[in-house]
Amino acid sequence: MNGAPRGRNTISARALDRVASAVTAEALDVSARHVRARIEDESGAIALHVSTPIRAISLRAVQTDAAAVQRSGGSLLQRAEAAQQLIRDDFASLTGSEVARVTVRLSSVDIRQEERVR
């Protein structure tokens, strides 16, 4: 045996979808079962399209504390944009694929209720 690689490895489209769902869920701190991912070929690279819920603080918290939005990670748009880069980096790292673009669609908002201090 000369040490040359033999055969080939392939990753199914379903497996790539699951990886995309998992990294999206981790980036936005949501359950992976609520994330939907679709992968397309874009000139040999991968285009990821993910649809996901996002968590947000209550409007009451925003009204009573001006810094609450920044402490929660920023506006929904800022958090979705930051998640795009995390998803791109983590997906590429895990799969070894070149990612051309990531589209994040926010499908719903999970409002975090304020915790009462006792």
PDB file of N, CA and C in Angstrom:
ATOM      1  N   MET A   1       0.835  -1.172   0.000  1.00  0.00           N
ATOM      2  CA  MET A   1       0.000   0.000   0.000  1.00  0.00           C
ATOM      3  C   MET A   1       0.882   1.239   0.000  1.00  0.00           C
ATOM      4  N   ASN A   2       0.611   2.164  -0.876  1.00  0.00           N
ATOM      5  CA  ASN A   2       1.457   3.342  -1.017  1.00  0.00           C
ATOM      6  C   ASN A   2       0.964   4.557  -0.226  1.00  0.00           C
ATOM      7  N   GLY A   3      -0.073   4.439   0.549  1.00  0.00           N
ATOM      8  CA  GLY A   3      -0.569   5.544   1.360  1.00  0.00           C
ATOM      9  C   GLY A   3      -1.471   6.508   0.608  1.00  0.00           C
ATOM     10  N   ALA A   4      -1.703   6.278  -0.671  1.00  0.00           N
ATOM     11  CA  ALA A   4      -2.579   7.150  -1.442  1.00  0.00           C
ATOM     12  C   ALA A   4      -4.029   6.902  -1.028  1.00  0.00           C
ATOM     13  N   PRO A   5      -4.831   7.968  -0.928  1.00  0.00           N
ATOM     14  CA  PRO A   5      -6.238   7.783  -0.555  1.00  0.00           C
ATOM     15  C   PRO A   5      -6.974   6.981  -1.611  1.00  0.00           C
ATOM     16  N   ARG A   6      -7.864   6.153  -1.152  1.00  0.00           N
ATOM     17  CA  ARG A   6      -8.672   5.345  -2.063  1.00  0.00           C
ATOM     18  C   ARG A   6     -10.134   5.639  -1.828  1.00  0.00           C
ATOM     19  N   GLY A   7     -10.902   5.585  -2.868  1.00  0.00           N
ATOM     20  CA  GLY A   7     -12.332   5.818  -2.749  1.00  0.00           C
ATOM     21  C   GLY A   7     -12.642   7.295  -2.587  1.00  0.00           C
ATOM     22  N   ARG A   8     -13.825   7.540  -2.081  1.00  0.00           N
ATOM     23  CA  ARG A   8     -14.227   8.927  -1.862  1.00  0.00           C
ATOM     24  C   ARG A   8     -15.232   9.005  -0.735  1.00  0.00           C
ATOM     25  N   ASN A   9     -15.353  10.160  -0.182  1.00  0.00           N
ATOM     26  CA  ASN A   9     -16.323  10.416   0.873  1.00  0.00           C
ATOM     27  C   ASN A   9     -17.362  11.387   0.336  1.00  0.00           C
ATOM     28  N   THR A  10     -18.600  11.133   0.662  1.00  0.00           N
ATOM     29  CA  THR A  10     -19.667  12.047   0.276  1.00  0.00           C
ATOM     30  C   THR A  10     -20.533  12.328   1.494  1.00  0.00           C
ATOM     31  N   ILE A  11     -21.097  13.502   1.509  1.00  0.00           N
ATOM     32  CA  ILE A  11     -22.022  13.892   2.569  1.00  0.00           C
ATOM     33  C   ILE A  11     -23.365  14.131   1.903  1.00  0.00           C
ATOM     34  N   SER A  12     -24.399  13.447   2.373  1.00  0.00           N
ATOM     35  CA  SER A  12     -25.716  13.583   1.749  1.00  0.00           C
ATOM     36  C   SER A  12     -26.281  14.979   1.986  1.00  0.00           C
ATOM     37  N   ALA A  13     -27.193  15.367   1.119  1.00  0.00           N
ATOM     38  CA  ALA A  13     -27.845  16.669   1.258  1.00  0.00           C
ATOM     39  C   ALA A  13     -28.601  16.744   2.581  1.00  0.00           C
ATOM     40  N   ARG A  14     -29.200  15.644   2.996  1.00  0.00           N
ATOM     41  CA  ARG A  14     -29.936  15.631   4.277  1.00  0.00           C
ATOM     42  C   ARG A  14     -28.989  15.879   5.450  1.00  0.00           C
ATOM     43  N   ALA A  15     -27.818  15.283   5.402  1.00  0.00           N
ATOM     44  CA  ALA A  15     -26.842  15.498   6.467  1.00  0.00           C
ATOM     45  C   ALA A  15     -26.398  16.962   6.498  1.00  0.00           C
ATOM     46  N   LEU A  16     -26.193  17.566   5.340  1.00  0.00           N
ATOM     47  CA  LEU A  16     -25.815  18.981   5.282  1.00  0.00           C
ATOM     48  C   LEU A  16     -26.935  19.866   5.825  1.00  0.00           C
ATOM     49  N   ASP A  17     -28.183  19.514   5.509  1.00  0.00           N
ATOM     50  CA  ASP A  17     -29.323  20.259   6.055  1.00  0.00           C
ATOM     51  C   ASP A  17     -29.324  20.205   7.580  1.00  0.00           C
ATOM     52  N   ARG A  18     -29.046  19.024   8.126  1.00  0.00           N
ATOM     53  CA  ARG A  18     -29.046  18.859   9.587  1.00  0.00           C
ATOM     54  C   ARG A  18     -27.918  19.664  10.234  1.00  0.00           C
ATOM     55  N   VAL A  19     -26.755  19.683   9.589  1.00  0.00           N
ATOM     56  CA  VAL A  19     -25.645  20.479  10.108  1.00  0.00           C
ATOM     57  C   VAL A  19     -26.026  21.961  10.081  1.00  0.00           C
ATOM     58  N   ALA A  20     -26.622  22.410   8.991  1.00  0.00           N
ATOM     59  CA  ALA A  20     -27.047  23.811   8.883  1.00  0.00           C
ATOM     60  C   ALA A  20     -28.073  24.150   9.960  1.00  0.00           C
ATOM     61  N   SER A  21     -29.006  23.254  10.217  1.00  0.00           N
ATOM     62  CA  SER A  21     -30.009  23.482  11.261  1.00  0.00           C
ATOM     63  C   SER A  21     -29.346  23.568  12.633  1.00  0.00           C
ATOM     64  N   ALA A  22     -28.405  22.679  12.894  1.00  0.00           N
ATOM     65  CA  ALA A  22     -27.735  22.649  14.196  1.00  0.00           C
ATOM     66  C   ALA A  22     -26.910  23.907  14.435  1.00  0.00           C
ATOM     67  N   VAL A  23     -26.142  24.341  13.447  1.00  0.00           N
ATOM     68  CA  VAL A  23     -25.316  25.530  13.661  1.00  0.00           C
ATOM     69  C   VAL A  23     -26.178  26.793  13.764  1.00  0.00           C
ATOM     70  N   THR A  24     -27.295  26.818  13.045  1.00  0.00           N
ATOM     71  CA  THR A  24     -28.221  27.950  13.151  1.00  0.00           C
ATOM     72  C   THR A  24     -28.841  27.994  14.544  1.00  0.00           C
ATOM     73  N   ALA A  25     -29.282  26.844  15.027  1.00  0.00           N
ATOM     74  CA  ALA A  25     -29.876  26.771  16.363  1.00  0.00           C
ATOM     75  C   ALA A  25     -28.891  27.237  17.421  1.00  0.00           C
ATOM     76  N   GLU A  26     -27.652  26.816  17.289  1.00  0.00           N
ATOM     77  CA  GLU A  26     -26.641  27.224  18.262  1.00  0.00           C
ATOM     78  C   GLU A  26     -26.357  28.727  18.167  1.00  0.00           C
ATOM     79  N   ALA A  27     -26.297  29.256  16.960  1.00  0.00           N
ATOM     80  CA  ALA A  27     -25.985  30.679  16.779  1.00  0.00           C
ATOM     81  C   ALA A  27     -27.066  31.583  17.359  1.00  0.00           C
ATOM     82  N   LEU A  28     -28.318  31.110  17.332  1.00  0.00           N
ATOM     83  CA  LEU A  28     -29.423  31.953  17.803  1.00  0.00           C
ATOM     84  C   LEU A  28     -30.068  31.445  19.086  1.00  0.00           C
ATOM     85  N   ASP A  29     -29.484  30.417  19.689  1.00  0.00           N
ATOM     86  CA  ASP A  29     -29.975  29.879  20.952  1.00  0.00           C
ATOM     87  C   ASP A  29     -31.442  29.465  20.877  1.00  0.00           C
ATOM     88  N   VAL A  30     -31.761  28.684  19.844  1.00  0.00           N
ATOM     89  CA  VAL A  30     -33.107  28.139  19.681  1.00  0.00           C
ATOM     90  C   VAL A  30     -32.991  26.629  19.496  1.00  0.00           C
ATOM     91  N   SER A  31     -34.111  25.945  19.513  1.00  0.00           N
ATOM     92  CA  SER A  31     -34.117  24.499  19.320  1.00  0.00           C
ATOM     93  C   SER A  31     -33.931  24.166  17.838  1.00  0.00           C
ATOM     94  N   ALA A  32     -33.051  23.217  17.554  1.00  0.00           N
ATOM     95  CA  ALA A  32     -32.788  22.820  16.170  1.00  0.00           C
ATOM     96  C   ALA A  32     -34.027  22.256  15.489  1.00  0.00           C
ATOM     97  N   ARG A  33     -34.947  21.707  16.266  1.00  0.00           N
ATOM     98  CA  ARG A  33     -36.147  21.121  15.642  1.00  0.00           C
ATOM     99  C   ARG A  33     -37.057  22.186  15.032  1.00  0.00           C
ATOM    100  N   HIS A  34     -36.867  23.455  15.427  1.00  0.00           N
ATOM    101  CA  HIS A  34     -37.671  24.550  14.879  1.00  0.00           C
ATOM    102  C   HIS A  34     -36.982  25.262  13.714  1.00  0.00           C
ATOM    103  N   VAL A  35     -35.778  24.842  13.384  1.00  0.00           N
ATOM    104  CA  VAL A  35     -35.017  25.467  12.297  1.00  0.00           C
ATOM    105  C   VAL A  35     -35.195  24.633  11.026  1.00  0.00           C
ATOM    106  N   ARG A  36     -35.443  25.303   9.929  1.00  0.00           N
ATOM    107  CA  ARG A  36     -35.534  24.644   8.627  1.00  0.00           C
ATOM    108  C   ARG A  36     -34.371  25.150   7.774  1.00  0.00           C
ATOM    109  N   ALA A  37     -33.690  24.229   7.119  1.00  0.00           N
ATOM    110  CA  ALA A  37     -32.545  24.603   6.287  1.00  0.00           C
ATOM    111  C   ALA A  37     -32.719  24.031   4.888  1.00  0.00           C
ATOM    112  N   ARG A  38     -32.267  24.796   3.928  1.00  0.00           N
ATOM    113  CA  ARG A  38     -32.268  24.353   2.533  1.00  0.00           C
ATOM    114  C   ARG A  38     -30.915  24.731   1.951  1.00  0.00           C
ATOM    115  N   ILE A  39     -30.346  23.820   1.215  1.00  0.00           N
ATOM    116  CA  ILE A  39     -29.019  24.035   0.639  1.00  0.00           C
ATOM    117  C   ILE A  39     -29.130  23.994  -0.876  1.00  0.00           C
ATOM    118  N   GLU A  40     -28.467  24.944  -1.513  1.00  0.00           N
ATOM    119  CA  GLU A  40     -28.421  25.005  -2.978  1.00  0.00           C
ATOM    120  C   GLU A  40     -26.982  25.109  -3.431  1.00  0.00           C
ATOM    121  N   ASP A  41     -26.738  24.645  -4.637  1.00  0.00           N
ATOM    122  CA  ASP A  41     -25.422  24.789  -5.259  1.00  0.00           C
ATOM    123  C   ASP A  41     -25.368  26.175  -5.900  1.00  0.00           C
ATOM    124  N   GLU A  42     -24.291  26.875  -5.649  1.00  0.00           N
ATOM    125  CA  GLU A  42     -24.093  28.186  -6.261  1.00  0.00           C
ATOM    126  C   GLU A  42     -22.698  28.213  -6.871  1.00  0.00           C
ATOM    127  N   SER A  43     -22.618  27.786  -8.115  1.00  0.00           N
ATOM    128  CA  SER A  43     -21.352  27.738  -8.857  1.00  0.00           C
ATOM    129  C   SER A  43     -20.278  26.937  -8.111  1.00  0.00           C
ATOM    130  N   GLY A  44     -20.682  25.792  -7.582  1.00  0.00           N
ATOM    131  CA  GLY A  44     -19.738  24.924  -6.886  1.00  0.00           C
ATOM    132  C   GLY A  44     -19.619  25.179  -5.398  1.00  0.00           C
ATOM    133  N   ALA A  45     -20.160  26.280  -4.927  1.00  0.00           N
ATOM    134  CA  ALA A  45     -20.171  26.579  -3.493  1.00  0.00           C
ATOM    135  C   ALA A  45     -21.589  26.335  -2.972  1.00  0.00           C
ATOM    136  N   ILE A  46     -21.752  26.486  -1.694  1.00  0.00           N
ATOM    137  CA  ILE A  46     -23.061  26.229  -1.083  1.00  0.00           C
ATOM    138  C   ILE A  46     -23.740  27.537  -0.702  1.00  0.00           C
ATOM    139  N   ALA A  47     -25.018  27.611  -1.021  1.00  0.00           N
ATOM    140  CA  ALA A  47     -25.866  28.710  -0.569  1.00  0.00           C
ATOM    141  C   ALA A  47     -26.807  28.119   0.475  1.00  0.00           C
ATOM    142  N   LEU A  48     -26.742  28.649   1.682  1.00  0.00           N
ATOM    143  CA  LEU A  48     -27.593  28.179   2.773  1.00  0.00           C
ATOM    144  C   LEU A  48     -28.782  29.110   2.935  1.00  0.00           C
ATOM    145  N   HIS A  49     -29.949  28.526   3.061  1.00  0.00           N
ATOM    146  CA  HIS A  49     -31.161  29.281   3.343  1.00  0.00           C
ATOM    147  C   HIS A  49     -31.751  28.673   4.609  1.00  0.00           C
ATOM    148  N   VAL A  50     -31.819  29.448   5.669  1.00  0.00           N
ATOM    149  CA  VAL A  50     -32.360  28.933   6.917  1.00  0.00           C
ATOM    150  C   VAL A  50     -33.547  29.772   7.361  1.00  0.00           C
ATOM    151  N   SER A  51     -34.528  29.102   7.919  1.00  0.00           N
ATOM    152  CA  SER A  51     -35.705  29.745   8.473  1.00  0.00           C
ATOM    153  C   SER A  51     -35.756  29.338   9.936  1.00  0.00           C
ATOM    154  N   THR A  52     -35.810  30.329  10.811  1.00  0.00           N
ATOM    155  CA  THR A  52     -35.661  30.048  12.228  1.00  0.00           C
ATOM    156  C   THR A  52     -36.444  31.030  13.090  1.00  0.00           C
ATOM    157  N   PRO A  53     -36.898  30.571  14.254  1.00  0.00           N
ATOM    158  CA  PRO A  53     -37.413  31.537  15.221  1.00  0.00           C
ATOM    159  C   PRO A  53     -36.238  32.260  15.868  1.00  0.00           C
ATOM    160  N   ILE A  54     -36.536  33.334  16.556  1.00  0.00           N
ATOM    161  CA  ILE A  54     -35.506  34.056  17.299  1.00  0.00           C
ATOM    162  C   ILE A  54     -36.103  34.460  18.642  1.00  0.00           C
ATOM    163  N   ARG A  55     -35.285  34.460  19.645  1.00  0.00           N
ATOM    164  CA  ARG A  55     -35.747  34.883  20.970  1.00  0.00           C
ATOM    165  C   ARG A  55     -35.574  36.385  21.101  1.00  0.00           C
ATOM    166  N   ALA A  56     -36.502  37.004  21.817  1.00  0.00           N
ATOM    167  CA  ALA A  56     -36.430  38.448  22.042  1.00  0.00           C
ATOM    168  C   ALA A  56     -36.904  38.757  23.451  1.00  0.00           C
ATOM    169  N   ILE A  57     -36.451  39.886  23.946  1.00  0.00           N
ATOM    170  CA  ILE A  57     -36.922  40.323  25.257  1.00  0.00           C
ATOM    171  C   ILE A  57     -38.289  40.971  25.089  1.00  0.00           C
ATOM    172  N   SER A  58     -39.022  41.076  26.174  1.00  0.00           N
ATOM    173  CA  SER A  58     -40.368  41.641  26.103  1.00  0.00           C
ATOM    174  C   SER A  58     -40.315  43.138  25.824  1.00  0.00           C
ATOM    175  N   LEU A  59     -41.378  43.648  25.237  1.00  0.00           N
ATOM    176  CA  LEU A  59     -41.466  45.087  24.986  1.00  0.00           C
ATOM    177  C   LEU A  59     -41.480  45.868  26.290  1.00  0.00           C
ATOM    178  N   ARG A  60     -42.036  45.280  27.313  1.00  0.00           N
ATOM    179  CA  ARG A  60     -42.047  45.946  28.619  1.00  0.00           C
ATOM    180  C   ARG A  60     -40.618  46.175  29.107  1.00  0.00           C
ATOM    181  N   ALA A  61     -39.747  45.182  28.911  1.00  0.00           N
ATOM    182  CA  ALA A  61     -38.348  45.339  29.325  1.00  0.00           C
ATOM    183  C   ALA A  61     -37.666  46.444  28.526  1.00  0.00           C
ATOM    184  N   VAL A  62     -37.981  46.532  27.248  1.00  0.00           N
ATOM    185  CA  VAL A  62     -37.389  47.573  26.397  1.00  0.00           C
ATOM    186  C   VAL A  62     -37.869  48.953  26.837  1.00  0.00           C
ATOM    187  N   GLN A  63     -39.136  49.053  27.180  1.00  0.00           N
ATOM    188  CA  GLN A  63     -39.695  50.345  27.596  1.00  0.00           C
ATOM    189  C   GLN A  63     -39.138  50.815  28.934  1.00  0.00           C
ATOM    190  N   THR A  64     -38.871  49.898  29.823  1.00  0.00           N
ATOM    191  CA  THR A  64     -38.417  50.294  31.163  1.00  0.00           C
ATOM    192  C   THR A  64     -36.901  50.386  31.299  1.00  0.00           C
ATOM    193  N   ASP A  65     -36.172  49.809  30.329  1.00  0.00           N
ATOM    194  CA  ASP A  65     -34.709  49.806  30.428  1.00  0.00           C
ATOM    195  C   ASP A  65     -34.118  49.994  29.034  1.00  0.00           C
ATOM    196  N   ALA A  66     -33.609  51.182  28.764  1.00  0.00           N
ATOM    197  CA  ALA A  66     -33.090  51.520  27.433  1.00  0.00           C
ATOM    198  C   ALA A  66     -31.925  50.633  26.999  1.00  0.00           C
ATOM    199  N   ALA A  67     -31.162  50.105  27.933  1.00  0.00           N
ATOM    200  CA  ALA A  67     -30.002  49.277  27.589  1.00  0.00           C
ATOM    201  C   ALA A  67     -30.349  47.801  27.431  1.00  0.00           C
ATOM    202  N   ALA A  68     -31.600  47.436  27.616  1.00  0.00           N
ATOM    203  CA  ALA A  68     -32.001  46.026  27.573  1.00  0.00           C
ATOM    204  C   ALA A  68     -31.736  45.391  26.211  1.00  0.00           C
ATOM    205  N   VAL A  69     -31.964  46.127  25.147  1.00  0.00           N
ATOM    206  CA  VAL A  69     -31.755  45.577  23.799  1.00  0.00           C
ATOM    207  C   VAL A  69     -30.282  45.240  23.583  1.00  0.00           C
ATOM    208  N   GLN A  70     -29.399  46.141  23.966  1.00  0.00           N
ATOM    209  CA  GLN A  70     -27.968  45.872  23.779  1.00  0.00           C
ATOM    210  C   GLN A  70     -27.496  44.711  24.645  1.00  0.00           C
ATOM    211  N   ARG A  71     -28.004  44.620  25.867  1.00  0.00           N
ATOM    212  CA  ARG A  71     -27.617  43.507  26.743  1.00  0.00           C
ATOM    213  C   ARG A  71     -28.098  42.164  26.206  1.00  0.00           C
ATOM    214  N   SER A  72     -29.191  42.185  25.449  1.00  0.00           N
ATOM    215  CA  SER A  72     -29.734  40.940  24.899  1.00  0.00           C
ATOM    216  C   SER A  72     -29.037  40.536  23.601  1.00  0.00           C
ATOM    217  N   GLY A  73     -28.074  41.322  23.158  1.00  0.00           N
ATOM    218  CA  GLY A  73     -27.348  40.979  21.942  1.00  0.00           C
ATOM    219  C   GLY A  73     -27.601  41.909  20.785  1.00  0.00           C
ATOM    220  N   GLY A  74     -28.413  42.918  20.984  1.00  0.00           N
ATOM    221  CA  GLY A  74     -28.708  43.875  19.927  1.00  0.00           C
ATOM    222  C   GLY A  74     -30.108  43.690  19.371  1.00  0.00           C
ATOM    223  N   SER A  75     -30.403  44.476  18.353  1.00  0.00           N
ATOM    224  CA  SER A  75     -31.721  44.385  17.715  1.00  0.00           C
ATOM    225  C   SER A  75     -31.846  43.036  17.004  1.00  0.00           C
ATOM    226  N   LEU A  76     -33.055  42.699  16.606  1.00  0.00           N
ATOM    227  CA  LEU A  76     -33.259  41.436  15.886  1.00  0.00           C
ATOM    228  C   LEU A  76     -32.424  41.403  14.609  1.00  0.00           C
ATOM    229  N   LEU A  77     -32.363  42.521  13.907  1.00  0.00           N
ATOM    230  CA  LEU A  77     -31.573  42.593  12.676  1.00  0.00           C
ATOM    231  C   LEU A  77     -30.081  42.406  12.961  1.00  0.00           C
ATOM    232  N   GLN A  78     -29.582  43.069  13.996  1.00  0.00           N
ATOM    233  CA  GLN A  78     -28.162  42.915  14.348  1.00  0.00           C
ATOM    234  C   GLN A  78     -27.842  41.471  14.713  1.00  0.00           C
ATOM    235  N   ARG A  79     -28.726  40.843  15.462  1.00  0.00           N
ATOM    236  CA  ARG A  79     -28.486  39.455  15.864  1.00  0.00           C
ATOM    237  C   ARG A  79     -28.563  38.505  14.682  1.00  0.00           C
ATOM    238  N   ALA A  80     -29.484  38.752  13.743  1.00  0.00           N
ATOM    239  CA  ALA A  80     -29.581  37.908  12.549  1.00  0.00           C
ATOM    240  C   ALA A  80     -28.335  38.060  11.677  1.00  0.00           C
ATOM    241  N   GLU A  81     -27.830  39.281  11.553  1.00  0.00           N
ATOM    242  CA  GLU A  81     -26.612  39.512  10.772  1.00  0.00           C
ATOM    243  C   GLU A  81     -25.400  38.842  11.416  1.00  0.00           C
ATOM    244  N   ALA A  82     -25.297  38.926  12.732  1.00  0.00           N
ATOM    245  CA  ALA A  82     -24.189  38.262  13.428  1.00  0.00           C
ATOM    246  C   ALA A  82     -24.305  36.745  13.278  1.00  0.00           C
ATOM    247  N   ALA A  83     -25.533  36.239  13.327  1.00  0.00           N
ATOM    248  CA  ALA A  83     -25.751  34.798  13.171  1.00  0.00           C
ATOM    249  C   ALA A  83     -25.339  34.327  11.781  1.00  0.00           C
ATOM    250  N   GLN A  84     -25.553  35.144  10.754  1.00  0.00           N
ATOM    251  CA  GLN A  84     -25.152  34.773   9.393  1.00  0.00           C
ATOM    252  C   GLN A  84     -23.676  34.411   9.352  1.00  0.00           C
ATOM    253  N   GLN A  85     -22.838  35.230   9.955  1.00  0.00           N
ATOM    254  CA  GLN A  85     -21.403  34.981   9.929  1.00  0.00           C
ATOM    255  C   GLN A  85     -21.049  33.736  10.745  1.00  0.00           C
ATOM    256  N   LEU A  86     -21.674  33.574  11.910  1.00  0.00           N
ATOM    257  CA  LEU A  86     -21.429  32.375  12.718  1.00  0.00           C
ATOM    258  C   LEU A  86     -21.839  31.109  11.975  1.00  0.00           C
ATOM    259  N   ILE A  87     -22.996  31.163  11.332  1.00  0.00           N
ATOM    260  CA  ILE A  87     -23.488  30.006  10.580  1.00  0.00           C
ATOM    261  C   ILE A  87     -22.518  29.682   9.446  1.00  0.00           C
ATOM    262  N   ARG A  88     -22.098  30.692   8.708  1.00  0.00           N
ATOM    263  CA  ARG A  88     -21.153  30.505   7.602  1.00  0.00           C
ATOM    264  C   ARG A  88     -19.861  29.851   8.098  1.00  0.00           C
ATOM    265  N   ASP A  89     -19.286  30.419   9.153  1.00  0.00           N
ATOM    266  CA  ASP A  89     -18.012  29.922   9.668  1.00  0.00           C
ATOM    267  C   ASP A  89     -18.123  28.503  10.228  1.00  0.00           C
ATOM    268  N   ASP A  90     -19.146  28.272  11.062  1.00  0.00           N
ATOM    269  CA  ASP A  90     -19.293  26.953  11.682  1.00  0.00           C
ATOM    270  C   ASP A  90     -19.630  25.877  10.651  1.00  0.00           C
ATOM    271  N   PHE A  91     -20.511  26.194   9.707  1.00  0.00           N
ATOM    272  CA  PHE A  91     -20.885  25.220   8.676  1.00  0.00           C
ATOM    273  C   PHE A  91     -19.661  24.864   7.836  1.00  0.00           C
ATOM    274  N   ALA A  92     -18.908  25.866   7.406  1.00  0.00           N
ATOM    275  CA  ALA A  92     -17.713  25.624   6.599  1.00  0.00           C
ATOM    276  C   ALA A  92     -16.688  24.805   7.374  1.00  0.00           C
ATOM    277  N   SER A  93     -16.513  25.119   8.635  1.00  0.00           N
ATOM    278  CA  SER A  93     -15.552  24.398   9.470  1.00  0.00           C
ATOM    279  C   SER A  93     -15.948  22.924   9.646  1.00  0.00           C
ATOM    280  N   LEU A  94     -17.221  22.688   9.902  1.00  0.00           N
ATOM    281  CA  LEU A  94     -17.683  21.320  10.149  1.00  0.00           C
ATOM    282  C   LEU A  94     -17.727  20.459   8.895  1.00  0.00           C
ATOM    283  N   THR A  95     -18.083  21.049   7.768  1.00  0.00           N
ATOM    284  CA  THR A  95     -18.279  20.253   6.544  1.00  0.00           C
ATOM    285  C   THR A  95     -17.125  20.344   5.558  1.00  0.00           C
ATOM    286  N   GLY A  96     -16.278  21.357   5.707  1.00  0.00           N
ATOM    287  CA  GLY A  96     -15.206  21.557   4.739  1.00  0.00           C
ATOM    288  C   GLY A  96     -15.704  22.139   3.429  1.00  0.00           C
ATOM    289  N   SER A  97     -16.928  22.634   3.426  1.00  0.00           N
ATOM    290  CA  SER A  97     -17.543  23.195   2.216  1.00  0.00           C
ATOM    291  C   SER A  97     -17.290  24.690   2.110  1.00  0.00           C
ATOM    292  N   GLU A  98     -17.261  25.168   0.884  1.00  0.00           N
ATOM    293  CA  GLU A  98     -17.187  26.608   0.649  1.00  0.00           C
ATOM    294  C   GLU A  98     -18.607  27.155   0.673  1.00  0.00           C
ATOM    295  N   VAL A  99     -18.841  28.157   1.487  1.00  0.00           N
ATOM    296  CA  VAL A  99     -20.173  28.741   1.618  1.00  0.00           C
ATOM    297  C   VAL A  99     -20.200  30.074   0.881  1.00  0.00           C
ATOM    298  N   ALA A 100     -21.024  30.145  -0.149  1.00  0.00           N
ATOM    299  CA  ALA A 100     -21.129  31.367  -0.942  1.00  0.00           C
ATOM    300  C   ALA A 100     -21.954  32.427  -0.220  1.00  0.00           C
ATOM    301  N   ARG A 101     -23.062  32.003   0.386  1.00  0.00           N
ATOM    302  CA  ARG A 101     -23.903  32.963   1.097  1.00  0.00           C
ATOM    303  C   ARG A 101     -24.822  32.242   2.064  1.00  0.00           C
ATOM    304  N   VAL A 102     -25.280  33.010   3.039  1.00  0.00           N
ATOM    305  CA  VAL A 102     -26.218  32.506   4.034  1.00  0.00           C
ATOM    306  C   VAL A 102     -27.385  33.484   4.099  1.00  0.00           C
ATOM    307  N   THR A 103     -28.583  32.975   3.916  1.00  0.00           N
ATOM    308  CA  THR A 103     -29.791  33.776   4.036  1.00  0.00           C
ATOM    309  C   THR A 103     -30.535  33.312   5.276  1.00  0.00           C
ATOM    310  N   VAL A 104     -30.789  34.243   6.186  1.00  0.00           N
ATOM    311  CA  VAL A 104     -31.512  33.921   7.416  1.00  0.00           C
ATOM    312  C   VAL A 104     -32.889  34.566   7.347  1.00  0.00           C
ATOM    313  N   ARG A 105     -33.912  33.746   7.449  1.00  0.00           N
ATOM    314  CA  ARG A 105     -35.305  34.223   7.482  1.00  0.00           C
ATOM    315  C   ARG A 105     -35.825  33.985   8.892  1.00  0.00           C
ATOM    316  N   LEU A 106     -36.246  35.043   9.551  1.00  0.00           N
ATOM    317  CA  LEU A 106     -36.800  34.908  10.895  1.00  0.00           C
ATOM    318  C   LEU A 106     -38.275  34.557  10.763  1.00  0.00           C
ATOM    319  N   SER A 107     -38.631  33.349  11.205  1.00  0.00           N
ATOM    320  CA  SER A 107     -39.985  32.835  11.011  1.00  0.00           C
ATOM    321  C   SER A 107     -40.942  33.197  12.137  1.00  0.00           C
ATOM    322  N   SER A 108     -40.413  33.429  13.311  1.00  0.00           N
ATOM    323  CA  SER A 108     -41.252  33.806  14.447  1.00  0.00           C
ATOM    324  C   SER A 108     -40.371  34.381  15.545  1.00  0.00           C
ATOM    325  N   VAL A 109     -41.019  34.966  16.536  1.00  0.00           N
ATOM    326  CA  VAL A 109     -40.302  35.545  17.669  1.00  0.00           C
ATOM    327  C   VAL A 109     -40.821  34.889  18.941  1.00  0.00           C
ATOM    328  N   ASP A 110     -39.895  34.399  19.736  1.00  0.00           N
ATOM    329  CA  ASP A 110     -40.207  33.814  21.036  1.00  0.00           C
ATOM    330  C   ASP A 110     -39.885  34.879  22.077  1.00  0.00           C
ATOM    331  N   ILE A 111     -40.933  35.454  22.653  1.00  0.00           N
ATOM    332  CA  ILE A 111     -40.754  36.536  23.619  1.00  0.00           C
ATOM    333  C   ILE A 111     -40.395  35.940  24.976  1.00  0.00           C
ATOM    334  N   ARG A 112     -39.283  36.379  25.508  1.00  0.00           N
ATOM    335  CA  ARG A 112     -38.872  35.957  26.851  1.00  0.00           C
ATOM    336  C   ARG A 112     -39.625  36.801  27.870  1.00  0.00           C
ATOM    337  N   GLN A 113     -40.328  36.136  28.712  1.00  0.00           N
ATOM    338  CA  GLN A 113     -41.047  36.846  29.769  1.00  0.00           C
ATOM    339  C   GLN A 113     -40.054  37.313  30.824  1.00  0.00           C
ATOM    340  N   GLU A 114     -40.345  38.442  31.396  1.00  0.00           N
ATOM    341  CA  GLU A 114     -39.479  38.980  32.439  1.00  0.00           C
ATOM    342  C   GLU A 114     -39.560  38.091  33.681  1.00  0.00           C
ATOM    343  N   GLU A 115     -38.434  37.894  34.302  1.00  0.00           N
ATOM    344  CA  GLU A 115     -38.414  37.158  35.555  1.00  0.00           C
ATOM    345  C   GLU A 115     -38.621  38.145  36.678  1.00  0.00           C
ATOM    346  N   ARG A 116     -39.451  37.786  37.601  1.00  0.00           N
ATOM    347  CA  ARG A 116     -39.737  38.668  38.737  1.00  0.00           C
ATOM    348  C   ARG A 116     -38.744  38.414  39.847  1.00  0.00           C
ATOM    349  N   VAL A 117     -38.292  39.478  40.433  1.00  0.00           N
ATOM    350  CA  VAL A 117     -37.370  39.372  41.556  1.00  0.00           C
ATOM    351  C   VAL A 117     -38.200  39.213  42.817  1.00  0.00           C
ATOM    352  N   ARG A 118     -37.837  38.243  43.627  1.00  0.00           N
ATOM    353  CA  ARG A 118     -38.598  38.013  44.877  1.00  0.00           C
ATOM    354  C   ARG A 118     -37.794  38.417  46.066  1.00  0.00           C
TER     355      ARG A 118
END
